[in-house]
């Protein structure tokens, strides 16, 4: 089995972990202080404070360089919880007509500048 995950650059890993737990229902797997392992519904992701190692947070570079794609049963509730916790809900969840059928998706920026797209599970099947 292969698992692909992301590590998000944040200026303060403990504060960011608290936000992801409150806003997205994440749980901590482990905590090394400046590097923290989390999961959302069994999907792991990681936070780390860059240490001048050719890696930077979106605030440092002035833009986000990747999108975090989350596929859940209820994208509306997931995005609403993030917005209620302070995420910038820039693209409300709505239906998109795709070659495989209707795909429900929207997006937000978390307080650390990372772009999250939240959708239903429809693109996870072979078309």
Protein backbone atom coordinates (compact mmCIF):
# COMPACT_ATOMS: atom_id res chain seq x y z
CA UNK A 1 0.00 0.00 0.00
CA UNK A 2 1.27 3.47 -0.88
CA UNK A 3 0.35 6.55 1.12
CA UNK A 4 1.06 10.09 -0.10
CA UNK A 5 0.90 12.95 2.34
CA UNK A 6 1.88 16.62 2.64
CA UNK A 7 3.93 18.59 5.13
CA UNK A 8 2.77 22.18 5.54
CA UNK A 9 5.25 24.92 6.43
CA UNK A 10 3.92 26.99 9.33
CA UNK A 11 5.59 29.63 11.53
CA UNK A 12 4.34 28.06 14.79
CA UNK A 13 3.60 24.32 14.63
CA UNK A 14 1.85 24.00 18.04
CA UNK A 15 -0.50 26.94 17.27
CA UNK A 16 -1.19 25.59 13.79
CA UNK A 17 -1.89 22.13 15.18
CA UNK A 18 -4.43 23.59 17.58
CA UNK A 19 -6.14 25.41 14.69
CA UNK A 20 -6.32 22.30 12.46
CA UNK A 21 -7.71 20.30 15.36
CA UNK A 22 -10.38 22.90 16.11
CA UNK A 23 -11.24 23.83 12.51
CA UNK A 24 -10.88 20.54 10.63
CA UNK A 25 -11.30 17.91 13.33
CA UNK A 26 -7.66 16.78 13.02
CA UNK A 27 -6.08 14.64 15.72
CA UNK A 28 -2.40 14.59 16.65
CA UNK A 29 -0.49 11.41 15.89
CA UNK A 30 2.72 12.72 17.49
CA UNK A 31 4.34 16.02 18.45
CA UNK A 32 8.06 16.87 18.34
CA UNK A 33 7.43 20.55 19.02
CA UNK A 34 8.41 22.11 15.69
CA UNK A 35 7.23 19.08 13.66
CA UNK A 36 3.80 17.56 14.28
CA UNK A 37 2.00 14.61 12.72
CA UNK A 38 -1.78 14.92 12.36
CA UNK A 39 -4.59 13.06 10.68
CA UNK A 40 -8.06 13.88 9.43
CA UNK A 41 -10.31 10.86 9.14
CA UNK A 42 -7.31 8.54 8.87
CA UNK A 43 -5.47 10.68 6.27
CA UNK A 44 -2.09 11.80 7.66
CA UNK A 45 -0.49 15.19 7.13
CA UNK A 46 2.31 17.02 8.84
CA UNK A 47 3.24 20.51 10.04
CA UNK A 48 6.74 21.88 10.42
CA UNK A 49 8.48 25.14 11.14
CA UNK A 50 11.05 25.81 8.38
CA UNK A 51 14.60 26.18 9.68
CA UNK A 52 16.41 28.06 6.84
CA UNK A 53 16.47 24.81 4.86
CA UNK A 54 15.30 26.06 1.43
CA UNK A 55 11.67 25.63 2.43
CA UNK A 56 9.30 28.39 3.51
CA UNK A 57 5.74 29.09 4.58
CA UNK A 58 3.33 30.82 2.17
CA UNK A 59 3.60 34.05 4.21
CA UNK A 60 7.37 34.09 3.67
CA UNK A 61 7.21 33.56 -0.10
CA UNK A 62 4.09 35.66 -0.65
CA UNK A 63 1.96 32.93 -2.23
CA UNK A 64 0.91 29.33 -1.81
CA UNK A 65 2.74 26.82 -3.97
CA UNK A 66 0.53 23.76 -3.55
CA UNK A 67 -3.11 22.88 -3.01
CA UNK A 68 -4.24 20.45 -0.35
CA UNK A 69 -7.08 18.38 -1.81
CA UNK A 70 -9.46 16.77 0.70
CA UNK A 71 -12.18 14.34 -0.38
CA UNK A 72 -14.96 13.77 2.17
CA UNK A 73 -18.57 12.64 2.29
CA UNK A 74 -19.82 16.11 3.27
CA UNK A 75 -17.63 18.86 1.76
CA UNK A 76 -20.11 21.59 2.76
CA UNK A 77 -19.79 20.84 6.50
CA UNK A 78 -16.01 20.45 6.31
CA UNK A 79 -15.57 23.84 4.62
CA UNK A 80 -18.15 25.50 6.88
CA UNK A 81 -16.24 24.37 10.01
CA UNK A 82 -13.00 25.79 8.59
CA UNK A 83 -14.70 29.10 7.80
CA UNK A 84 -16.24 29.29 11.27
CA UNK A 85 -12.72 28.88 12.71
CA UNK A 86 -11.34 31.75 10.63
CA UNK A 87 -10.42 30.26 7.25
CA UNK A 88 -10.88 32.53 4.24
CA UNK A 89 -13.74 30.74 2.46
CA UNK A 90 -12.98 32.15 -0.99
CA UNK A 91 -14.78 29.54 -3.12
CA UNK A 92 -18.03 28.14 -1.67
CA UNK A 93 -18.73 24.46 -2.23
CA UNK A 94 -20.84 24.02 -5.34
CA UNK A 95 -21.52 21.52 -8.13
CA UNK A 96 -19.06 21.31 -11.03
CA UNK A 97 -19.95 19.36 -14.17
CA UNK A 98 -17.01 17.06 -14.97
CA UNK A 99 -16.48 14.25 -17.51
CA UNK A 100 -17.21 11.68 -14.76
CA UNK A 101 -20.39 13.48 -13.62
CA UNK A 102 -21.16 16.09 -11.02
CA UNK A 103 -18.32 16.90 -8.60
CA UNK A 104 -19.13 18.99 -5.53
CA UNK A 105 -16.14 21.15 -4.47
CA UNK A 106 -15.09 24.47 -2.94
CA UNK A 107 -12.06 25.92 -1.27
CA UNK A 108 -10.55 28.02 1.49
CA UNK A 109 -7.22 29.44 2.61
CA UNK A 110 -6.20 28.44 6.12
CA UNK A 111 -4.73 31.14 8.41
CA UNK A 112 -1.22 30.10 7.32
CA UNK A 113 -1.81 30.74 3.60
CA UNK A 114 -2.33 27.14 2.45
CA UNK A 115 -5.05 26.58 -0.17
CA UNK A 116 -7.41 23.71 0.65
CA UNK A 117 -9.89 22.37 -1.92
CA UNK A 118 -12.65 20.28 -0.39
CA UNK A 119 -14.76 18.01 -2.51
CA UNK A 120 -16.79 14.86 -2.61
CA UNK A 121 -15.13 11.56 -3.49
CA UNK A 122 -16.25 11.49 -7.15
CA UNK A 123 -12.81 12.06 -8.77
CA UNK A 124 -11.25 9.19 -6.85
CA UNK A 125 -12.71 6.58 -9.19
CA UNK A 126 -11.28 5.69 -12.59
CA UNK A 127 -13.06 7.45 -15.35
